[in-house]
């Protein structure tokens, strides 16, 4: 169980890092204001954080519903 959780969080962080890197590399040939790239990276990381939070809440809700199953 811990291995799956670590793999899930590592994959989410990996995707966030790759997305941030791609956003920066796309802008390297045409330099612009660095604040724009900073905002893109910030919003990418915010999206990763929101996704992790939603998945954590969904996992907690799934555990809660499985523990309180109605008896016949």
PDB file of N, CA and C in Angstrom:
ATOM      1  N   UNK A   1       0.830  -1.189   0.000  1.00  0.00           N
ATOM      2  CA  UNK A   1       0.000   0.000   0.000  1.00  0.00           C
ATOM      3  C   UNK A   1       0.877   1.257   0.000  1.00  0.00           C
ATOM      4  N   UNK A   2       1.922   1.235   0.810  1.00  0.00           N
ATOM      5  CA  UNK A   2       2.805   2.398   0.859  1.00  0.00           C
ATOM      6  C   UNK A   2       3.565   2.562  -0.460  1.00  0.00           C
ATOM      7  N   UNK A   3       3.921   1.433  -1.064  1.00  0.00           N
ATOM      8  CA  UNK A   3       4.608   1.490  -2.349  1.00  0.00           C
ATOM      9  C   UNK A   3       3.751   2.131  -3.427  1.00  0.00           C
ATOM     10  N   UNK A   4       2.466   1.819  -3.440  1.00  0.00           N
ATOM     11  CA  UNK A   4       1.546   2.403  -4.426  1.00  0.00           C
ATOM     12  C   UNK A   4       1.399   3.900  -4.176  1.00  0.00           C
ATOM     13  N   UNK A   5       1.291   4.289  -2.909  1.00  0.00           N
ATOM     14  CA  UNK A   5       1.153   5.713  -2.582  1.00  0.00           C
ATOM     15  C   UNK A   5       2.408   6.478  -2.991  1.00  0.00           C
ATOM     16  N   UNK A   6       3.575   5.916  -2.714  1.00  0.00           N
ATOM     17  CA  UNK A   6       4.822   6.586  -3.075  1.00  0.00           C
ATOM     18  C   UNK A   6       4.934   6.689  -4.592  1.00  0.00           C
ATOM     19  N   UNK A   7       4.555   5.615  -5.291  1.00  0.00           N
ATOM     20  CA  UNK A   7       4.613   5.641  -6.754  1.00  0.00           C
ATOM     21  C   UNK A   7       3.659   6.695  -7.309  1.00  0.00           C
ATOM     22  N   UNK A   8       2.455   6.803  -6.741  1.00  0.00           N
ATOM     23  CA  UNK A   8       1.464   7.776  -7.206  1.00  0.00           C
ATOM     24  C   UNK A   8       1.992   9.195  -7.012  1.00  0.00           C
ATOM     25  N   UNK A   9       2.494   9.513  -5.820  1.00  0.00           N
ATOM     26  CA  UNK A   9       2.972  10.866  -5.555  1.00  0.00           C
ATOM     27  C   UNK A   9       4.229  11.170  -6.371  1.00  0.00           C
ATOM     28  N   UNK A  10       5.115  10.208  -6.517  1.00  0.00           N
ATOM     29  CA  UNK A  10       6.306  10.430  -7.335  1.00  0.00           C
ATOM     30  C   UNK A  10       5.920  10.676  -8.788  1.00  0.00           C
ATOM     31  N   UNK A  11       4.923   9.955  -9.289  1.00  0.00           N
ATOM     32  CA  UNK A  11       4.480  10.154 -10.667  1.00  0.00           C
ATOM     33  C   UNK A  11       3.863  11.538 -10.843  1.00  0.00           C
ATOM     34  N   UNK A  12       3.087  11.981  -9.862  1.00  0.00           N
ATOM     35  CA  UNK A  12       2.488  13.315  -9.946  1.00  0.00           C
ATOM     36  C   UNK A  12       3.567  14.388  -9.928  1.00  0.00           C
ATOM     37  N   UNK A  13       4.556  14.244  -9.067  1.00  0.00           N
ATOM     38  CA  UNK A  13       5.651  15.212  -9.025  1.00  0.00           C
ATOM     39  C   UNK A  13       6.475  15.157 -10.310  1.00  0.00           C
ATOM     40  N   UNK A  14       6.667  13.964 -10.842  1.00  0.00           N
ATOM     41  CA  UNK A  14       7.392  13.800 -12.100  1.00  0.00           C
ATOM     42  C   UNK A  14       6.663  14.523 -13.236  1.00  0.00           C
ATOM     43  N   UNK A  15       5.359  14.342 -13.319  1.00  0.00           N
ATOM     44  CA  UNK A  15       4.585  15.007 -14.377  1.00  0.00           C
ATOM     45  C   UNK A  15       4.649  16.525 -14.228  1.00  0.00           C
ATOM     46  N   UNK A  16       4.572  16.999 -12.993  1.00  0.00           N
ATOM     47  CA  UNK A  16       4.673  18.439 -12.757  1.00  0.00           C
ATOM     48  C   UNK A  16       6.025  18.995 -13.153  1.00  0.00           C
ATOM     49  N   UNK A  17       7.088  18.267 -12.837  1.00  0.00           N
ATOM     50  CA  UNK A  17       8.433  18.723 -13.192  1.00  0.00           C
ATOM     51  C   UNK A  17       8.633  18.711 -14.704  1.00  0.00           C
ATOM     52  N   UNK A  18       8.140  17.684 -15.373  1.00  0.00           N
ATOM     53  CA  UNK A  18       8.262  17.621 -16.833  1.00  0.00           C
ATOM     54  C   UNK A  18       7.467  18.752 -17.481  1.00  0.00           C
ATOM     55  N   UNK A  19       6.256  19.000 -16.999  1.00  0.00           N
ATOM     56  CA  UNK A  19       5.435  20.076 -17.562  1.00  0.00           C
ATOM     57  C   UNK A  19       6.112  21.431 -17.357  1.00  0.00           C
ATOM     58  N   UNK A  20       6.674  21.666 -16.165  1.00  0.00           N
ATOM     59  CA  UNK A  20       7.363  22.936 -15.913  1.00  0.00           C
ATOM     60  C   UNK A  20       8.583  23.063 -16.823  1.00  0.00           C
ATOM     61  N   UNK A  21       9.330  21.988 -16.984  1.00  0.00           N
ATOM     62  CA  UNK A  21      10.493  22.024 -17.866  1.00  0.00           C
ATOM     63  C   UNK A  21      10.119  22.296 -19.312  1.00  0.00           C
ATOM     64  N   UNK A  22       9.054  21.682 -19.769  1.00  0.00           N
ATOM     65  CA  UNK A  22       8.603  21.896 -21.153  1.00  0.00           C
ATOM     66  C   UNK A  22       8.160  23.340 -21.346  1.00  0.00           C
ATOM     67  N   UNK A  23       7.438  23.882 -20.367  1.00  0.00           N
ATOM     68  CA  UNK A  23       7.003  25.272 -20.486  1.00  0.00           C
ATOM     69  C   UNK A  23       8.190  26.224 -20.575  1.00  0.00           C
ATOM     70  N   UNK A  24       9.231  25.948 -19.824  1.00  0.00           N
ATOM     71  CA  UNK A  24      10.412  26.808 -19.879  1.00  0.00           C
ATOM     72  C   UNK A  24      11.157  26.610 -21.194  1.00  0.00           C
ATOM     73  N   UNK A  25      11.325  25.360 -21.646  1.00  0.00           N
ATOM     74  CA  UNK A  25      12.077  25.089 -22.872  1.00  0.00           C
ATOM     75  C   UNK A  25      11.386  25.634 -24.118  1.00  0.00           C
ATOM     76  N   UNK A  26      10.066  25.688 -24.109  1.00  0.00           N
ATOM     77  CA  UNK A  26       9.345  26.219 -25.266  1.00  0.00           C
ATOM     78  C   UNK A  26       9.650  27.711 -25.435  1.00  0.00           C
ATOM     79  N   UNK A  27       9.854  28.411 -24.328  1.00  0.00           N
ATOM     80  CA  UNK A  27      10.084  29.846 -24.385  1.00  0.00           C
ATOM     81  C   UNK A  27      11.552  30.219 -24.597  1.00  0.00           C
ATOM     82  N   UNK A  28      12.490  29.276 -24.504  1.00  0.00           N
ATOM     83  CA  UNK A  28      13.907  29.624 -24.640  1.00  0.00           C
ATOM     84  C   UNK A  28      14.271  30.214 -25.997  1.00  0.00           C
ATOM     85  N   UNK A  29      13.758  29.679 -27.120  1.00  0.00           N
ATOM     86  CA  UNK A  29      14.140  30.278 -28.410  1.00  0.00           C
ATOM     87  C   UNK A  29      13.631  31.710 -28.588  1.00  0.00           C
ATOM     88  N   UNK A  30      12.518  32.044 -27.972  1.00  0.00           N
ATOM     89  CA  UNK A  30      11.973  33.393 -28.068  1.00  0.00           C
ATOM     90  C   UNK A  30      11.910  33.990 -26.665  1.00  0.00           C
ATOM     91  N   UNK A  31      13.002  34.592 -26.198  1.00  0.00           N
ATOM     92  CA  UNK A  31      13.012  35.115 -24.834  1.00  0.00           C
ATOM     93  C   UNK A  31      11.930  36.177 -24.635  1.00  0.00           C
ATOM     94  N   UNK A  32      11.291  36.097 -23.517  1.00  0.00           N
ATOM     95  CA  UNK A  32      10.270  37.072 -23.161  1.00  0.00           C
ATOM     96  C   UNK A  32      10.480  37.431 -21.697  1.00  0.00           C
ATOM     97  N   UNK A  33       9.484  37.995 -21.129  1.00  0.00           N
ATOM     98  CA  UNK A  33       9.554  38.367 -19.719  1.00  0.00           C
ATOM     99  C   UNK A  33       9.596  37.103 -18.865  1.00  0.00           C
ATOM    100  N   UNK A  34      10.575  37.016 -17.972  1.00  0.00           N
ATOM    101  CA  UNK A  34      10.721  35.821 -17.146  1.00  0.00           C
ATOM    102  C   UNK A  34       9.561  35.661 -16.166  1.00  0.00           C
ATOM    103  N   UNK A  35       8.863  36.731 -15.878  1.00  0.00           N
ATOM    104  CA  UNK A  35       7.704  36.637 -14.980  1.00  0.00           C
ATOM    105  C   UNK A  35       6.614  35.768 -15.608  1.00  0.00           C
ATOM    106  N   UNK A  36       6.472  35.833 -16.933  1.00  0.00           N
ATOM    107  CA  UNK A  36       5.474  34.997 -17.613  1.00  0.00           C
ATOM    108  C   UNK A  36       5.774  33.521 -17.412  1.00  0.00           C
ATOM    109  N   UNK A  37       7.043  33.157 -17.572  1.00  0.00           N
ATOM    110  CA  UNK A  37       7.408  31.755 -17.376  1.00  0.00           C
ATOM    111  C   UNK A  37       7.232  31.341 -15.923  1.00  0.00           C
ATOM    112  N   UNK A  38       7.530  32.261 -15.013  1.00  0.00           N
ATOM    113  CA  UNK A  38       7.324  31.980 -13.596  1.00  0.00           C
ATOM    114  C   UNK A  38       5.864  31.729 -13.283  1.00  0.00           C
ATOM    115  N   UNK A  39       4.990  32.524 -13.866  1.00  0.00           N
ATOM    116  CA  UNK A  39       3.551  32.308 -13.659  1.00  0.00           C
ATOM    117  C   UNK A  39       3.096  30.971 -14.235  1.00  0.00           C
ATOM    118  N   UNK A  40       3.621  30.609 -15.391  1.00  0.00           N
ATOM    119  CA  UNK A  40       3.243  29.322 -15.989  1.00  0.00           C
ATOM    120  C   UNK A  40       3.681  28.164 -15.103  1.00  0.00           C
ATOM    121  N   UNK A  41       4.907  28.250 -14.594  1.00  0.00           N
ATOM    122  CA  UNK A  41       5.383  27.201 -13.705  1.00  0.00           C
ATOM    123  C   UNK A  41       4.557  27.179 -12.423  1.00  0.00           C
ATOM    124  N   UNK A  42       4.249  28.357 -11.880  1.00  0.00           N
ATOM    125  CA  UNK A  42       3.442  28.436 -10.662  1.00  0.00           C
ATOM    126  C   UNK A  42       2.078  27.790 -10.863  1.00  0.00           C
ATOM    127  N   UNK A  43       1.410  28.101 -11.969  1.00  0.00           N
ATOM    128  CA  UNK A  43       0.087  27.538 -12.216  1.00  0.00           C
ATOM    129  C   UNK A  43       0.155  26.037 -12.499  1.00  0.00           C
ATOM    130  N   UNK A  44       1.252  25.589 -13.103  1.00  0.00           N
ATOM    131  CA  UNK A  44       1.437  24.151 -13.300  1.00  0.00           C
ATOM    132  C   UNK A  44       1.550  23.450 -11.956  1.00  0.00           C
ATOM    133  N   UNK A  45       2.354  24.000 -11.056  1.00  0.00           N
ATOM    134  CA  UNK A  45       2.501  23.406  -9.729  1.00  0.00           C
ATOM    135  C   UNK A  45       1.204  23.490  -8.924  1.00  0.00           C
ATOM    136  N   UNK A  46       0.451  24.566  -9.100  1.00  0.00           N
ATOM    137  CA  UNK A  46      -0.862  24.664  -8.437  1.00  0.00           C
ATOM    138  C   UNK A  46      -1.802  23.571  -8.955  1.00  0.00           C
ATOM    139  N   UNK A  47      -1.766  23.314 -10.237  1.00  0.00           N
ATOM    140  CA  UNK A  47      -2.591  22.248 -10.802  1.00  0.00           C
ATOM    141  C   UNK A  47      -2.205  20.885 -10.255  1.00  0.00           C
ATOM    142  N   UNK A  48      -0.906  20.648 -10.097  1.00  0.00           N
ATOM    143  CA  UNK A  48      -0.445  19.383  -9.513  1.00  0.00           C
ATOM    144  C   UNK A  48      -0.924  19.271  -8.074  1.00  0.00           C
ATOM    145  N   UNK A  49      -0.820  20.358  -7.311  1.00  0.00           N
ATOM    146  CA  UNK A  49      -1.255  20.338  -5.913  1.00  0.00           C
ATOM    147  C   UNK A  49      -2.761  20.093  -5.802  1.00  0.00           C
ATOM    148  N   UNK A  50      -3.530  20.721  -6.653  1.00  0.00           N
ATOM    149  CA  UNK A  50      -4.983  20.526  -6.631  1.00  0.00           C
ATOM    150  C   UNK A  50      -5.320  19.081  -6.974  1.00  0.00           C
ATOM    151  N   UNK A  51      -4.642  18.530  -7.967  1.00  0.00           N
ATOM    152  CA  UNK A  51      -4.886  17.146  -8.357  1.00  0.00           C
ATOM    153  C   UNK A  51      -4.562  16.189  -7.226  1.00  0.00           C
ATOM    154  N   UNK A  52      -3.419  16.400  -6.564  1.00  0.00           N
ATOM    155  CA  UNK A  52      -3.056  15.546  -5.429  1.00  0.00           C
ATOM    156  C   UNK A  52      -4.082  15.649  -4.305  1.00  0.00           C
ATOM    157  N   UNK A  53      -4.560  16.858  -4.037  1.00  0.00           N
ATOM    158  CA  UNK A  53      -5.558  17.044  -2.987  1.00  0.00           C
ATOM    159  C   UNK A  53      -6.867  16.325  -3.323  1.00  0.00           C
ATOM    160  N   UNK A  54      -7.312  16.460  -4.561  1.00  0.00           N
ATOM    161  CA  UNK A  54      -8.566  15.810  -4.965  1.00  0.00           C
ATOM    162  C   UNK A  54      -8.433  14.292  -4.895  1.00  0.00           C
ATOM    163  N   UNK A  55      -7.292  13.762  -5.340  1.00  0.00           N
ATOM    164  CA  UNK A  55      -7.086  12.317  -5.278  1.00  0.00           C
ATOM    165  C   UNK A  55      -7.017  11.823  -3.833  1.00  0.00           C
ATOM    166  N   UNK A  56      -6.428  12.633  -2.929  1.00  0.00           N
ATOM    167  CA  UNK A  56      -6.357  12.258  -1.523  1.00  0.00           C
ATOM    168  C   UNK A  56      -7.755  12.236  -0.912  1.00  0.00           C
ATOM    169  N   UNK A  57      -8.563  13.239  -1.215  1.00  0.00           N
ATOM    170  CA  UNK A  57      -9.938  13.282  -0.697  1.00  0.00           C
ATOM    171  C   UNK A  57     -10.752  12.123  -1.260  1.00  0.00           C
ATOM    172  N   UNK A  58     -10.574  11.813  -2.539  1.00  0.00           N
ATOM    173  CA  UNK A  58     -11.298  10.683  -3.134  1.00  0.00           C
ATOM    174  C   UNK A  58     -10.895   9.371  -2.476  1.00  0.00           C
ATOM    175  N   UNK A  59      -9.612   9.212  -2.172  1.00  0.00           N
ATOM    176  CA  UNK A  59      -9.156   8.004  -1.482  1.00  0.00           C
ATOM    177  C   UNK A  59      -9.738   7.897  -0.083  1.00  0.00           C
ATOM    178  N   UNK A  60      -9.805   9.021   0.629  1.00  0.00           N
ATOM    179  CA  UNK A  60     -10.396   9.007   1.973  1.00  0.00           C
ATOM    180  C   UNK A  60     -11.892   8.690   1.922  1.00  0.00           C
ATOM    181  N   UNK A  61     -12.577   9.231   0.938  1.00  0.00           N
ATOM    182  CA  UNK A  61     -14.011   8.931   0.800  1.00  0.00           C
ATOM    183  C   UNK A  61     -14.237   7.468   0.453  1.00  0.00           C
ATOM    184  N   UNK A  62     -13.367   6.901  -0.364  1.00  0.00           N
ATOM    185  CA  UNK A  62     -13.504   5.486  -0.715  1.00  0.00           C
ATOM    186  C   UNK A  62     -13.281   4.604   0.503  1.00  0.00           C
ATOM    187  N   UNK A  63     -12.311   4.961   1.337  1.00  0.00           N
ATOM    188  CA  UNK A  63     -12.083   4.194   2.565  1.00  0.00           C
ATOM    189  C   UNK A  63     -13.276   4.304   3.502  1.00  0.00           C
ATOM    190  N   UNK A  64     -13.830   5.511   3.588  1.00  0.00           N
ATOM    191  CA  UNK A  64     -14.964   5.739   4.504  1.00  0.00           C
ATOM    192  C   UNK A  64     -16.186   4.945   4.072  1.00  0.00           C
ATOM    193  N   UNK A  65     -16.482   4.917   2.783  1.00  0.00           N
ATOM    194  CA  UNK A  65     -17.667   4.203   2.316  1.00  0.00           C
ATOM    195  C   UNK A  65     -17.479   2.696   2.419  1.00  0.00           C
ATOM    196  N   UNK A  66     -16.241   2.221   2.276  1.00  0.00           N
ATOM    197  CA  UNK A  66     -16.021   0.768   2.381  1.00  0.00           C
ATOM    198  C   UNK A  66     -16.113   0.289   3.835  1.00  0.00           C
ATOM    199  N   UNK A  67     -15.781   1.142   4.793  1.00  0.00           N
ATOM    200  CA  UNK A  67     -15.853   0.760   6.202  1.00  0.00           C
ATOM    201  C   UNK A  67     -17.285   0.789   6.722  1.00  0.00           C
ATOM    202  N   UNK A  68     -18.098   1.675   6.199  1.00  0.00           N
ATOM    203  CA  UNK A  68     -19.471   1.826   6.680  1.00  0.00           C
ATOM    204  C   UNK A  68     -20.472   1.229   5.704  1.00  0.00           C
ATOM    205  N   UNK A  69     -20.203   0.039   5.211  1.00  0.00           N
ATOM    206  CA  UNK A  69     -21.153  -0.608   4.322  1.00  0.00           C
ATOM    207  C   UNK A  69     -22.342  -1.101   5.132  1.00  0.00           C
ATOM    208  N   UNK A  70     -23.561  -0.934   4.623  1.00  0.00           N
ATOM    209  CA  UNK A  70     -24.753  -1.323   5.372  1.00  0.00           C
ATOM    210  C   UNK A  70     -24.861  -2.844   5.506  1.00  0.00           C
ATOM    211  N   UNK A  71     -25.294  -3.275   6.650  1.00  0.00           N
ATOM    212  CA  UNK A  71     -25.495  -4.727   6.875  1.00  0.00           C
ATOM    213  C   UNK A  71     -26.930  -5.105   6.502  1.00  0.00           C
ATOM    214  N   UNK A  72     -27.132  -6.273   5.927  1.00  0.00           N
ATOM    215  CA  UNK A  72     -28.477  -6.684   5.481  1.00  0.00           C
ATOM    216  C   UNK A  72     -29.385  -7.048   6.631  1.00  0.00           C
TER     217      UNK A  72
END
